[in-house]
Amino acid sequence: MAIRTGDLAGAKAFFEESLDIARRLAHNATSAQAQRDVGVSLQRLGDVAVLAGDLAGAKARFEESLAIARKLAHDPTSAQAQRDVVSSLIKLGGATRDRTLLDEALQLAQRLQQSGLLAPSDSGMVEMITLMISILP
């Protein structure tokens, strides 16, 4: 809600608290979901940093989120884990305008789509990534 109302400081505080809780839970648990929650919180903080114009901060958050997603994606049949890698690559590639990261996201999203593992709610993902790549210099 804070992001929708333009309260970036409030959103940042909320997501930092969420990240702190997620990190504590992940530290005391070995579940993939606990680790994923840390990655999601990092992505949200990265989104706030982008909106605030803090691209260095966004990059750091997105890089950490991507590292977690890659670690959890060791099972190629886990659609959620693979999708999280795609999402992290899109966030980081978009923030840094890095074609290599977006190309990797596109290849993985196409693989998920071809194997039937891409959720219907993500049906536009391949086209979105293709568009992002096409507008890069």
Protein backbone atom coordinates (compact mmCIF):
# COMPACT_ATOMS: atom_id res chain seq x y z
CA MET A 1 0.00 0.00 0.00
CA ALA A 2 2.82 2.42 0.83
CA ILE A 3 4.26 2.08 -2.68
CA ARG A 4 0.88 2.82 -4.26
CA THR A 5 0.56 6.01 -2.24
CA GLY A 6 4.13 7.07 -3.04
CA ASP A 7 5.40 6.51 0.50
CA LEU A 8 8.72 4.99 -0.51
CA ALA A 9 10.26 5.51 2.92
CA GLY A 10 7.35 3.68 4.53
CA ALA A 11 7.54 0.89 1.96
CA LYS A 12 11.28 0.56 2.49
CA ALA A 13 10.85 0.36 6.28
CA PHE A 14 8.11 -2.25 5.92
CA PHE A 15 10.13 -4.42 3.51
CA GLU A 16 13.30 -4.07 5.61
CA GLU A 17 11.37 -5.35 8.61
CA SER A 18 9.98 -8.16 6.47
CA LEU A 19 13.50 -9.02 5.29
CA ASP A 20 14.80 -9.04 8.85
CA ILE A 21 12.06 -11.44 9.94
CA ALA A 22 12.59 -13.64 6.87
CA ARG A 23 16.35 -13.79 7.48
CA ARG A 24 15.84 -14.79 11.13
CA LEU A 25 13.37 -17.49 10.14
CA ALA A 26 15.63 -18.75 7.35
CA HIS A 27 18.58 -18.85 9.73
CA ASN A 28 16.65 -21.14 12.07
CA ALA A 29 15.10 -23.28 9.34
CA THR A 30 16.38 -25.23 6.42
CA SER A 31 13.22 -24.97 4.35
CA ALA A 32 13.38 -23.71 0.80
CA GLN A 33 10.30 -21.58 1.47
CA ALA A 34 12.08 -19.70 4.25
CA GLN A 35 14.98 -18.99 1.90
CA ARG A 36 12.56 -18.00 -0.88
CA ASP A 37 10.89 -15.50 1.48
CA VAL A 38 14.27 -13.80 1.92
CA GLY A 39 14.64 -13.57 -1.85
CA VAL A 40 11.14 -12.12 -2.28
CA SER A 41 11.80 -9.51 0.40
CA LEU A 42 15.05 -8.56 -1.33
CA GLN A 43 13.22 -8.16 -4.63
CA ARG A 44 10.65 -5.88 -3.03
CA LEU A 45 13.40 -3.76 -1.50
CA GLY A 46 15.07 -3.65 -4.90
CA ASP A 47 11.81 -2.44 -6.45
CA VAL A 48 11.58 0.35 -3.86
CA ALA A 49 15.21 1.30 -4.54
CA VAL A 50 14.49 1.53 -8.29
CA LEU A 51 11.50 3.79 -7.63
CA ALA A 52 13.66 5.95 -5.35
CA GLY A 53 16.35 6.24 -8.03
CA ASP A 54 18.87 4.21 -6.02
CA LEU A 55 20.09 1.93 -8.80
CA ALA A 56 23.18 0.79 -6.87
CA GLY A 57 20.99 -0.25 -3.95
CA ALA A 58 18.54 -1.96 -6.30
CA LYS A 59 21.37 -3.83 -8.02
CA ALA A 60 22.72 -5.12 -4.71
CA ARG A 61 19.29 -6.34 -3.59
CA PHE A 62 18.51 -7.95 -6.94
CA GLU A 63 21.93 -9.65 -7.06
CA GLU A 64 21.41 -11.17 -3.63
CA SER A 65 17.91 -12.27 -4.58
CA LEU A 66 19.24 -13.89 -7.76
CA ALA A 67 21.91 -15.76 -5.81
CA ILE A 68 19.23 -17.21 -3.51
CA ALA A 69 16.98 -18.10 -6.45
CA ARG A 70 19.82 -19.87 -8.25
CA LYS A 71 20.66 -21.82 -5.11
CA LEU A 72 17.05 -22.97 -4.76
CA ALA A 73 16.68 -23.80 -8.46
CA HIS A 74 18.91 -26.87 -8.33
CA ASP A 75 15.76 -28.93 -9.07
CA PRO A 76 14.92 -28.22 -12.75
CA THR A 77 11.41 -29.65 -12.27
CA SER A 78 10.50 -27.07 -9.63
CA ALA A 79 8.57 -24.54 -11.69
CA GLN A 80 8.42 -22.05 -8.81
CA ALA A 81 12.17 -22.14 -8.26
CA GLN A 82 12.86 -21.77 -11.99
CA ARG A 83 10.34 -18.93 -12.26
CA ASP A 84 12.03 -17.18 -9.33
CA VAL A 85 15.32 -17.28 -11.26
CA VAL A 86 13.58 -15.77 -14.29
CA SER A 87 12.00 -13.07 -12.12
CA SER A 88 15.33 -12.23 -10.49
CA LEU A 89 17.08 -12.08 -13.86
CA ILE A 90 14.37 -9.75 -15.18
CA LYS A 91 14.64 -7.46 -12.14
CA LEU A 92 18.44 -7.31 -12.22
CA GLY A 93 18.69 -7.17 -16.01
CA GLY A 94 16.07 -4.44 -16.19
CA ALA A 95 17.66 -2.32 -13.46
CA THR A 96 21.15 -2.64 -14.93
CA ARG A 97 20.06 -2.77 -18.59
CA ASP A 98 22.13 -5.93 -18.95
CA ARG A 99 21.19 -7.76 -22.14
CA THR A 100 23.06 -10.92 -21.06
CA LEU A 101 20.87 -11.31 -17.99
CA LEU A 102 17.70 -10.66 -19.98
CA ASP A 103 18.78 -13.15 -22.65
CA GLU A 104 19.27 -15.75 -19.92
CA ALA A 105 15.83 -14.92 -18.50
CA LEU A 106 14.29 -15.30 -21.96
CA GLN A 107 15.92 -18.68 -22.58
CA LEU A 108 14.78 -20.02 -19.21
CA ALA A 109 11.24 -18.65 -19.63
CA GLN A 110 11.01 -20.22 -23.10
CA ARG A 111 12.20 -23.54 -21.69
CA LEU A 112 9.56 -23.37 -18.94
CA GLN A 113 6.90 -22.49 -21.50
CA GLN A 114 7.89 -25.30 -23.86
CA SER A 115 7.90 -27.87 -21.05
CA GLY A 116 4.49 -26.76 -19.81
CA LEU A 117 5.89 -25.55 -16.47
CA LEU A 118 5.11 -21.86 -17.01
CA ALA A 119 1.98 -20.96 -15.06
CA PRO A 120 -0.94 -19.48 -17.01
CA SER A 121 -0.53 -16.29 -14.98
CA ASP A 122 2.98 -15.97 -16.47
CA SER A 123 1.89 -16.54 -20.07
CA GLY A 124 3.06 -13.07 -21.15
CA MET A 125 6.50 -13.44 -19.60
CA VAL A 126 8.32 -14.44 -22.81
CA GLU A 127 6.82 -11.52 -24.72
CA MET A 128 7.62 -9.08 -21.91
CA ILE A 129 11.27 -10.15 -21.78
CA THR A 130 11.49 -9.99 -25.58
CA LEU A 131 10.15 -6.43 -25.46
CA MET A 132 12.62 -5.45 -22.72
CA ILE A 133 15.50 -6.77 -24.83
CA SER A 134 14.24 -5.02 -27.96
CA ILE A 135 14.28 -1.56 -26.36
CA LEU A 136 17.85 -1.84 -25.08
CA PRO A 137 20.43 0.15 -27.04
